[in-house]
Protein backbone atom coordinates (compact mmCIF):
# COMPACT_ATOMS: atom_id res chain seq x y z
CA MET A 1 38.44 43.16 13.65
CA ASN A 2 36.46 46.30 14.44
CA ASN A 3 36.04 46.57 18.22
CA GLU A 4 32.95 48.77 17.99
CA ILE A 5 30.05 47.15 19.85
CA ILE A 6 27.05 46.41 17.63
CA LYS A 7 23.94 47.65 19.40
CA GLU A 8 20.86 45.45 19.63
CA THR A 9 18.27 46.47 17.07
CA GLY A 10 14.54 45.83 16.90
CA ILE A 11 11.40 46.64 18.83
CA LYS A 12 11.23 45.16 22.32
CA TRP A 13 7.89 43.65 23.35
CA GLY A 14 7.77 41.82 26.66
CA PRO A 15 10.80 39.52 26.87
CA PHE A 16 10.95 39.34 23.05
CA ARG A 17 12.33 41.56 20.29
CA LEU A 18 10.77 42.13 16.86
CA ARG A 19 13.25 42.69 14.04
CA ILE A 20 11.69 44.03 10.85
CA PRO A 21 13.41 42.75 7.70
CA PHE A 22 15.39 45.36 5.73
CA LEU A 23 15.03 47.77 8.67
CA HIS A 24 16.59 45.77 11.51
CA MET A 25 18.00 42.95 9.34
CA ARG A 26 20.22 43.29 6.31
CA PHE A 27 19.73 41.38 3.07
CA LEU A 28 22.60 38.87 2.60
CA THR A 29 22.68 37.33 -0.86
CA SER A 30 24.50 34.10 0.09
CA GLU A 31 22.03 33.22 2.86
CA VAL A 32 19.01 34.17 0.75
CA LEU A 33 20.10 31.91 -2.13
CA GLN A 34 20.70 28.97 0.20
CA GLY A 35 17.37 29.54 1.91
CA LEU A 36 15.49 29.70 -1.38
CA VAL A 37 16.54 26.16 -2.25
CA ILE A 38 17.58 24.28 0.88
CA SER A 39 14.97 25.60 3.30
CA GLY A 40 12.17 25.47 0.76
CA ALA A 41 12.92 21.90 -0.24
CA THR A 42 13.38 20.69 3.31
CA ALA A 43 10.21 22.41 4.54
CA LEU A 44 8.21 20.43 1.99
CA ALA A 45 9.58 17.18 3.45
CA GLY A 46 6.63 17.30 5.84
CA ALA A 47 4.10 17.30 3.00
CA PRO A 48 4.16 13.50 2.45
CA VAL A 49 3.36 13.01 6.15
CA VAL A 50 0.10 14.96 6.08
CA MET A 51 -0.73 13.54 2.65
CA ALA A 52 -0.45 10.07 4.20
CA LEU A 53 -2.95 11.30 6.79
CA GLY A 54 -5.42 12.15 4.04
CA LEU A 55 -4.77 15.73 2.89
CA SER A 56 -4.37 16.67 -0.77
CA PHE A 57 -1.08 17.89 -2.26
CA GLU A 58 -2.29 21.50 -2.29
CA GLN A 59 -3.43 21.23 1.33
CA ALA A 60 -0.07 19.68 2.26
CA VAL A 61 1.67 22.71 0.73
CA ALA A 62 -0.53 24.94 2.89
CA CYS A 63 0.52 22.93 5.97
CA SER A 64 4.17 23.47 5.03
CA LEU A 65 3.50 27.19 4.55
CA ILE A 66 1.92 27.51 8.01
CA ALA A 67 4.72 25.54 9.70
CA SER A 68 7.40 27.52 7.87
CA PHE A 69 5.86 30.88 8.71
CA LEU A 70 5.76 29.97 12.40
CA ILE A 71 9.36 28.71 12.33
CA THR A 72 10.42 31.95 10.64
CA SER A 73 8.80 33.94 13.45
CA GLY A 74 11.37 32.54 15.90
CA PRO A 75 14.24 34.90 15.03
CA ILE A 76 12.14 37.65 13.44
CA ILE A 77 9.16 38.17 15.75
CA PHE A 78 10.54 36.67 18.97
CA GLY A 79 14.19 37.62 18.47
CA GLU A 80 15.67 34.18 19.19
CA PRO A 81 19.35 33.92 18.10
CA LEU A 82 18.93 30.30 16.95
CA ALA A 83 18.26 29.01 13.44
CA PRO A 84 14.98 27.20 14.21
CA GLY A 85 13.71 23.91 12.82
CA TRP A 86 11.72 20.79 13.61
CA VAL A 87 12.15 18.47 16.57
CA THR A 88 13.24 16.10 13.81
CA PRO A 89 14.23 13.00 15.84
CA ALA A 90 10.66 12.74 17.13
CA LEU A 91 9.25 12.52 13.59
CA PRO A 92 9.87 8.79 12.98
CA LEU A 93 8.24 7.95 16.31
CA VAL A 94 5.21 10.07 15.43
CA ILE A 95 4.93 8.39 12.04
CA ALA A 96 5.22 4.96 13.70
CA PHE A 97 2.39 5.91 16.06
CA PHE A 98 0.05 6.82 13.19
CA ILE A 99 1.03 3.68 11.25
CA SER A 100 0.20 1.52 14.28
CA LYS A 101 -3.23 3.22 14.50
CA GLY A 102 -3.88 2.45 10.81
CA PHE A 103 -4.08 6.15 9.95
CA PHE A 104 -1.08 6.40 7.60
CA ASP A 105 -2.88 5.15 4.49
CA GLY A 106 -3.82 8.36 2.65
CA VAL A 107 -7.42 8.36 3.92
CA TYR A 108 -8.60 11.48 5.79
CA ARG A 109 -9.93 10.91 9.31
CA GLU A 110 -10.76 13.52 11.91
CA GLU A 111 -9.38 11.16 14.57
CA ALA A 112 -5.87 11.40 13.12
CA PHE A 113 -5.79 15.17 13.43
CA GLN A 114 -7.36 15.06 16.86
CA TYR A 115 -4.41 12.89 17.92
CA MET A 116 -2.09 15.40 16.25
CA ALA A 117 -3.85 18.22 18.10
CA ALA A 118 -3.46 16.34 21.39
CA MET A 119 0.29 16.08 20.78
CA CYS A 120 0.63 19.77 19.95
CA ILE A 121 -1.54 21.03 22.83
CA GLU A 122 0.22 18.83 25.38
CA PHE A 123 3.65 19.74 24.00
CA THR A 124 2.76 23.44 24.21
CA ALA A 125 1.57 23.12 27.81
CA ILE A 126 4.72 21.30 28.92
CA ILE A 127 7.08 23.76 27.19
CA ILE A 128 5.42 26.85 28.65
CA LEU A 129 4.99 25.34 32.12
CA LEU A 130 8.60 24.16 32.36
CA GLY A 131 9.92 27.34 30.76
CA VAL A 132 8.07 29.71 33.08
CA SER A 133 8.84 27.66 36.18
CA GLY A 134 12.46 26.94 35.26
CA PHE A 135 11.94 23.24 36.06
CA GLY A 136 12.79 22.13 32.51
CA LYS A 137 16.52 22.39 33.00
CA VAL A 138 16.35 20.62 36.37
CA ILE A 139 14.28 17.71 35.03
CA VAL A 140 16.48 17.09 32.00
CA GLU A 141 19.67 17.24 34.09
CA LYS A 142 18.26 14.60 36.47
CA ILE A 143 17.34 12.09 33.74
CA PRO A 144 19.94 9.26 33.59
CA ASN A 145 22.21 9.34 30.57
CA ALA A 146 21.32 5.75 29.72
CA LEU A 147 17.64 6.70 29.42
CA LYS A 148 18.42 9.81 27.35
CA SER A 149 20.61 7.71 25.07
CA GLY A 150 17.94 5.01 24.71
CA ILE A 151 15.26 7.52 23.73
CA ILE A 152 17.46 9.14 21.07
CA LEU A 153 18.67 5.77 19.75
CA GLY A 154 15.06 4.60 19.63
CA ALA A 155 14.23 7.48 17.31
CA ALA A 156 17.11 6.39 15.07
CA LEU A 157 15.93 2.77 14.95
CA ALA A 158 12.37 3.89 14.14
CA ALA A 159 13.66 6.00 11.25
CA PHE A 160 15.79 3.19 9.80
CA TYR A 161 13.00 0.65 10.19
CA GLN A 162 10.53 2.83 8.30
CA ILE A 163 12.90 3.62 5.44
CA PHE A 164 14.45 0.20 4.90
CA PHE A 165 11.72 -2.18 6.07
CA SER A 166 8.12 -1.22 6.90
CA ASP A 167 7.76 1.52 4.27
CA PHE A 168 10.47 0.38 1.85
CA ASP A 169 8.19 0.63 -1.19
CA ARG A 170 7.12 4.17 -0.32
CA TYR A 171 10.62 5.56 0.23
CA ILE A 172 12.94 3.47 -1.93
CA GLY A 173 10.91 1.09 -4.07
CA SER A 174 9.49 3.77 -6.41
CA THR A 175 12.75 5.69 -6.97
CA PRO A 176 15.57 3.35 -5.89
CA ILE A 177 18.41 4.90 -7.90
CA ALA A 178 17.52 8.50 -7.01
CA MET A 179 17.03 7.66 -3.32
CA ILE A 180 20.29 5.70 -3.07
CA THR A 181 22.06 8.59 -4.82
CA ILE A 182 20.77 11.27 -2.45
CA LEU A 183 21.40 9.11 0.64
CA THR A 184 24.96 8.34 -0.45
CA ILE A 185 25.93 11.91 -1.33
CA CYS A 186 24.25 13.55 1.68
CA THR A 187 25.72 11.00 4.09
CA ILE A 188 29.21 11.66 2.70
CA THR A 189 28.92 15.47 2.77
CA THR A 190 27.38 15.42 6.25
CA PHE A 191 29.29 12.72 8.13
CA SER A 192 32.37 11.61 6.16
CA GLU A 193 35.63 12.49 7.92
CA PRO A 194 37.76 11.93 4.76
CA PHE A 195 35.44 14.31 2.87
CA LYS A 196 35.73 16.94 5.60
CA ARG A 197 39.51 16.57 5.58
CA LEU A 198 39.63 17.05 1.81
CA ALA A 199 37.16 19.94 2.01
CA SER A 200 39.44 21.76 4.44
CA LYS A 201 42.08 21.86 1.68
CA ASN A 202 39.86 22.27 -1.39
CA LYS A 203 37.69 25.34 -1.91
CA ILE A 204 35.20 23.62 -4.23
CA LEU A 205 34.62 20.73 -1.83
CA SER A 206 34.34 23.24 1.01
CA ILE A 207 31.56 25.07 -0.85
CA ILE A 208 29.80 21.77 -1.57
CA GLY A 209 29.97 20.83 2.10
CA SER A 210 28.62 24.21 3.20
CA LEU A 211 25.50 23.82 1.01
CA GLY A 212 24.05 21.09 3.21
CA LEU A 213 21.56 18.81 1.41
CA LEU A 214 21.46 20.88 -1.78
CA PRO A 215 24.22 19.14 -3.82
CA GLY A 216 22.87 15.65 -3.11
CA PHE A 217 19.34 16.81 -3.77
CA LEU A 218 20.19 18.32 -7.17
CA ILE A 219 22.34 15.39 -8.32
CA ALA A 220 19.74 12.82 -7.23
CA THR A 221 17.05 14.78 -9.06
CA LEU A 222 19.11 14.78 -12.26
CA VAL A 223 19.92 11.07 -11.97
CA GLY A 224 16.30 10.19 -11.22
CA PHE A 225 15.13 12.19 -14.23
CA LEU A 226 17.69 10.61 -16.59
CA VAL A 227 16.80 7.04 -15.59
CA GLY A 228 13.06 7.73 -15.80
CA GLU A 229 12.24 7.45 -12.08
CA ILE A 230 11.25 11.12 -11.75
CA ASN A 231 8.96 13.02 -14.12
CA PHE A 232 8.02 16.69 -13.92
CA ASP A 233 4.92 18.62 -14.83
CA ILE A 234 6.18 22.14 -14.13
CA GLN A 235 3.50 24.83 -14.34
CA SER A 236 3.86 28.58 -14.49
CA GLY A 237 2.15 31.21 -12.39
CA PHE A 238 1.32 31.65 -8.72
CA ILE A 239 -0.97 29.85 -6.28
CA LEU A 240 -2.65 30.68 -3.02
CA PRO A 241 -2.24 27.66 -0.70
CA PRO A 242 -5.66 26.70 0.75
CA VAL A 243 -4.97 27.60 4.38
CA ASN A 244 -8.71 27.89 5.07
CA GLU A 245 -9.29 24.29 3.94
CA VAL A 246 -6.47 23.08 6.17
CA PHE A 247 -7.97 24.94 9.13
CA ASN A 248 -11.39 23.38 8.49
CA LEU A 249 -9.93 19.86 8.20
CA THR A 250 -7.34 19.90 10.99
CA SER A 251 -7.87 22.66 13.57
CA PRO A 252 -9.41 21.58 16.90
CA PHE A 253 -11.55 24.71 16.64
CA SER A 254 -13.11 23.15 13.53
CA ILE A 255 -13.10 19.38 14.15
CA ASP A 256 -13.46 19.59 17.97
CA PHE A 257 -10.82 19.14 20.63
CA PRO A 258 -9.46 15.65 21.38
CA PRO A 259 -11.06 13.52 24.11
CA SER A 260 -9.02 13.17 27.31
CA SER A 261 -7.96 9.60 26.47
CA TYR A 262 -6.01 10.89 23.45
CA TYR A 263 -3.84 13.10 25.65
CA LEU A 264 -2.90 10.09 27.75
CA GLU A 265 -2.03 7.99 24.70
CA VAL A 266 0.32 10.58 23.20
CA LEU A 267 1.96 11.68 26.47
CA PRO A 268 5.05 9.45 26.01
CA LEU A 269 5.66 10.94 22.55
CA VAL A 270 5.29 14.44 23.95
CA ILE A 271 7.75 13.74 26.78
CA ILE A 272 10.26 12.36 24.27
CA GLY A 273 9.69 15.43 22.11
CA TYR A 274 10.45 17.74 25.03
CA LEU A 275 13.66 15.89 25.93
CA LEU A 276 14.83 16.20 22.33
CA LEU A 277 13.82 19.88 22.25
CA PHE A 278 15.81 20.64 25.37
CA GLY A 279 18.82 18.92 23.79
CA ASP A 280 18.46 21.35 20.87
CA PHE A 281 18.38 24.31 23.27
CA VAL A 282 21.64 23.13 24.81
CA THR A 283 23.30 22.42 21.46
CA GLY A 284 22.32 25.76 19.95
CA THR A 285 23.45 27.82 22.92
CA GLU A 286 26.79 25.99 23.19
CA ILE A 287 27.48 26.69 19.50
CA LEU A 288 26.77 30.39 20.11
CA LYS A 289 28.87 30.56 23.26
CA ASP A 290 31.84 29.09 21.43
CA ALA A 291 31.40 31.47 18.49
CA GLN A 292 31.00 34.49 20.76
CA LYS A 293 34.76 34.37 21.46
CA ASN A 294 35.32 35.44 17.84
CA ARG A 295 32.62 38.14 17.88
CA PRO A 296 32.85 40.14 21.10
CA ASP A 297 31.60 43.13 19.07
CA GLU A 298 28.04 41.66 19.00
CA PRO A 299 27.04 40.27 22.40
CA ILE A 300 24.29 37.68 21.93
CA THR A 301 21.69 37.39 24.68
CA ILE A 302 20.80 33.76 25.41
CA ASP A 303 17.76 33.16 27.62
CA ILE A 304 16.49 29.56 27.94
CA ASN A 305 13.24 30.66 29.59
CA ARG A 306 12.54 33.12 26.76
CA ALA A 307 13.39 30.39 24.25
CA HIS A 308 10.89 28.04 25.94
CA ASN A 309 8.18 30.67 25.78
CA SER A 310 8.79 31.55 22.12
CA VAL A 311 8.67 27.89 21.07
CA GLY A 312 5.61 27.42 23.26
CA ILE A 313 3.77 30.32 21.62
CA ARG A 314 4.67 29.03 18.15
CA ASN A 315 3.31 25.60 19.04
CA LEU A 316 0.16 27.15 20.51
CA LEU A 317 -0.50 29.04 17.26
CA GLY A 318 0.26 25.95 15.20
CA ALA A 319 -2.06 23.80 17.33
CA SER A 320 -4.84 26.34 16.82
CA ILE A 321 -4.48 26.64 13.03
CA ASN A 322 -2.98 23.35 11.85
CA PRO A 323 -1.63 20.86 14.43
CA PHE A 324 1.55 19.36 12.95
CA PHE A 325 3.79 17.80 15.60
CA PRO A 326 6.85 18.01 15.73
CA THR A 327 7.51 20.81 13.22
CA GLN A 328 7.87 23.66 15.75
CA GLY A 329 11.23 23.20 17.45
CA ALA A 330 14.18 25.32 18.51
CA LEU A 331 17.07 24.40 16.21
CA TRP A 332 18.05 23.33 12.72
CA THR A 333 21.57 22.33 13.68
CA GLY A 334 23.09 22.21 10.18
CA VAL A 335 21.82 25.65 9.19
CA HIS A 336 22.69 27.11 12.60
CA VAL A 337 26.28 25.93 12.24
CA VAL A 338 26.60 27.30 8.68
CA ILE A 339 25.26 30.75 9.66
CA VAL A 340 27.29 30.97 12.87
CA GLU A 341 30.48 29.98 11.04
CA ARG A 342 29.97 32.87 8.62
CA TRP A 343 29.17 35.23 11.51
CA LYS A 344 32.43 34.22 13.23
CA GLN A 345 34.41 35.54 10.27
CA GLY A 346 33.68 39.10 11.32
CA PRO A 347 31.41 42.10 10.65
CA ASN A 348 32.77 42.52 7.13
CA ILE A 349 31.23 39.15 6.24
CA MET A 350 28.11 39.28 8.43
CA LYS A 351 27.61 42.37 10.55
CA SER A 352 24.90 40.84 12.73
CA LEU A 353 23.99 37.22 13.41
CA PHE A 354 20.36 38.21 12.84
CA ASP A 355 21.19 39.41 9.32
CA GLY A 356 22.21 35.85 8.46
CA ILE A 357 19.32 34.09 10.20
CA GLY A 358 16.74 36.56 8.88
CA SER A 359 18.01 36.33 5.31
CA TYR A 360 18.08 32.54 5.39
CA TYR A 361 14.57 32.22 6.78
CA LEU A 362 12.45 35.20 5.81
CA MET A 363 13.63 35.45 2.23
CA GLY A 364 14.05 31.70 1.89
CA ILE A 365 10.89 30.01 3.11
CA PRO A 366 7.46 31.65 3.08
CA LEU A 367 7.54 33.22 -0.38
CA LEU A 368 8.25 29.95 -2.21
CA PHE A 369 4.89 28.42 -1.39
CA PHE A 370 3.13 30.92 -3.64
CA VAL A 371 5.34 30.14 -6.67
CA LEU A 372 3.77 27.45 -8.83
CA PRO A 373 6.94 26.47 -10.78
CA PHE A 374 8.76 25.69 -7.52
CA ILE A 375 5.82 23.78 -6.04
CA THR A 376 5.26 21.67 -9.16
CA PHE A 377 9.01 21.06 -9.49
CA MET A 378 9.14 19.85 -5.88
CA LYS A 379 6.04 17.64 -6.06
CA PRO A 380 7.80 14.46 -7.30
CA LEU A 381 10.81 15.16 -5.05
CA MET A 382 9.09 15.47 -1.68
CA ILE A 383 9.51 11.79 -0.81
CA LEU A 384 13.25 12.13 -1.48
CA ALA A 385 13.38 15.08 0.91
CA LEU A 386 11.51 13.19 3.64
CA GLY A 387 13.55 10.02 3.13
CA VAL A 388 16.94 11.72 3.38
CA THR A 389 15.70 13.76 6.37
CA LEU A 390 14.76 10.58 8.24
CA VAL A 391 17.97 8.71 7.41
CA LEU A 392 20.29 11.60 8.30
CA THR A 393 18.28 12.10 11.49
CA GLY A 394 18.78 8.42 12.28
CA LEU A 395 22.53 8.63 11.73
CA ALA A 396 22.87 11.81 13.78
CA CYS A 397 20.75 10.39 16.61
CA SER A 398 22.83 7.21 16.63
CA TYR A 399 26.16 8.88 17.27
CA VAL A 400 24.66 11.38 19.72
CA ALA A 401 23.06 8.51 21.65
CA MET A 402 26.31 6.55 21.80
CA SER A 403 28.26 9.60 22.94
CA LEU A 404 26.04 9.91 26.03
CA VAL A 405 26.92 6.50 27.46
CA LYS A 406 30.37 5.31 28.56
CA ARG A 407 29.80 2.37 30.90
CA ASN A 408 28.94 -1.18 29.86
CA SER A 409 25.73 -1.10 31.90
CA GLU A 410 24.63 2.22 30.37
CA ILE A 411 25.21 0.96 26.83
CA ALA A 412 23.17 -2.17 27.52
CA ILE A 413 20.33 -0.10 29.03
CA SER A 414 20.41 2.28 26.07
CA ILE A 415 20.03 -0.55 23.55
CA VAL A 416 17.18 -2.24 25.44
CA THR A 417 15.41 1.07 25.95
CA ALA A 418 15.82 1.99 22.28
CA LEU A 419 14.27 -1.27 21.10
CA PHE A 420 11.17 -0.76 23.24
CA VAL A 421 10.91 2.96 22.36
CA ALA A 422 11.03 2.14 18.64
CA PHE A 423 9.04 -1.11 18.56
CA GLY A 424 7.11 -1.38 21.84
CA GLU A 425 3.38 -1.96 21.36
CA TYR A 426 0.40 -2.24 23.67
CA LYS A 427 -2.79 -3.73 22.28
CA GLY A 428 -1.45 -3.29 18.76
CA VAL A 429 -0.63 0.43 19.12
CA ALA A 430 2.86 1.94 19.31
CA ALA A 431 3.73 2.48 22.97
CA PRO A 432 7.10 4.22 23.44
CA TRP A 433 6.21 4.70 27.11
CA ILE A 434 7.18 1.05 27.64
CA GLY A 435 10.74 1.92 26.68
CA ILE A 436 10.78 4.96 28.97
CA VAL A 437 9.59 2.91 31.95
CA ILE A 438 12.01 0.05 31.27
CA GLY A 439 14.92 2.44 30.74
CA LEU A 440 14.19 4.30 33.97
CA VAL A 441 13.85 1.11 36.03
CA LEU A 442 17.03 -0.41 34.59
CA SER A 443 18.95 2.82 35.17
CA LEU A 444 17.93 2.83 38.83
CA LEU A 445 18.78 -0.86 39.30
CA LEU A 446 21.96 -1.23 37.25
CA VAL A 447 23.81 2.10 37.30
CA ASP A 448 25.58 3.41 40.38
CA SER A 449 26.64 6.99 39.79
CA ASN A 450 28.88 6.91 42.86
CA ILE A 451 31.35 4.36 41.50
CA GLU A 452 33.47 4.07 38.38
CA GLU A 453 32.50 1.21 36.14
CA GLU A 454 34.70 -0.57 33.66
CA GLN A 455 34.70 1.08 30.27
CA VAL A 456 33.87 -0.82 27.08
CA GLY A 457 36.86 -2.52 25.53
């Protein structure tokens, strides 16, 4: 490997660094092609959520465009060395909240987007406050593992309940064969140990595994089309997503800011969102630290406070234009791992980590939302994208949650907390704060950190 140190490129502004594509970032064909399909399809997974809150398909595309542009700004405008994404585990809890309020029925209401604005504004304030003060790391480290586990497991239960029970007709009933196909293939390529073992010895399977959700998505689309579950009306040309309409219908500067009671109602969701976000910060930085051993020629600067501020600014802009919690997070773990693994192979494969991230995001996301053939092709597939996103999130959250607890008492607390986080209600409205309170009280009463407790089994 070449030992020459790769100098940091870009234009420094404050604690951030702007990297202009093609000038400070190289075009990498492999990452661009993956981004064109995988990132574009996954970004549109949020469209069914805002459509269920009353926006039209075209307006939902504009929401996805805004969210994707802000996500893209993470590595490009702010210079963050993480492949950014949603705070995905919070999504099923947010959907459950809107369902419990009766807002998830496809009818537009200003109230729904005022609640969404309250989430985004409060989330922004917490991120920036804890990032600037440095208290974020302290707070998360002090939270008992049983409570952390219960919150994450609660997100998993909420996702599974929505897919397989409360919203079964929406997610599976209309396209059962296609949905089962995509769930089966994506679960195998993402989590199956036998598949990973075979992929380590077979180049074709290795390529399939490295493409994330794409193989399952394409196969499920073909199967759904052949059995008549999916029909396309692909149109040619270009469109201009109606960002102005979205601003008028959703921005607090257009529909007024939420009343103070809304902020109190959504506070538990926002706290959960921050805990999950901080977990992503930790995960992303640990992946980079491990990979840095293979690439001493490009020292990567990791700054948690800067990362807090960049995510906070992105959420502030999103809250001002189109509140859409929780689409502005720190990490898309699958993509981050794929890019970092290529970067580890050396400068001949990927000279700079930012070449890979920039190619995947800049070339892969924003441009697609102006291309009518892609948008009309994706229209009947968006529910597949959202469904597989929720299920894979549930599976990932489940094993992460279980890995955090070792003692019998912690496991019991995690399960009880998760049930109340996912299904707790107060006066008919989802109330995840009940789970947080119960989990905290049980952790204080049942877990003694000063003694060893018998392990399960």
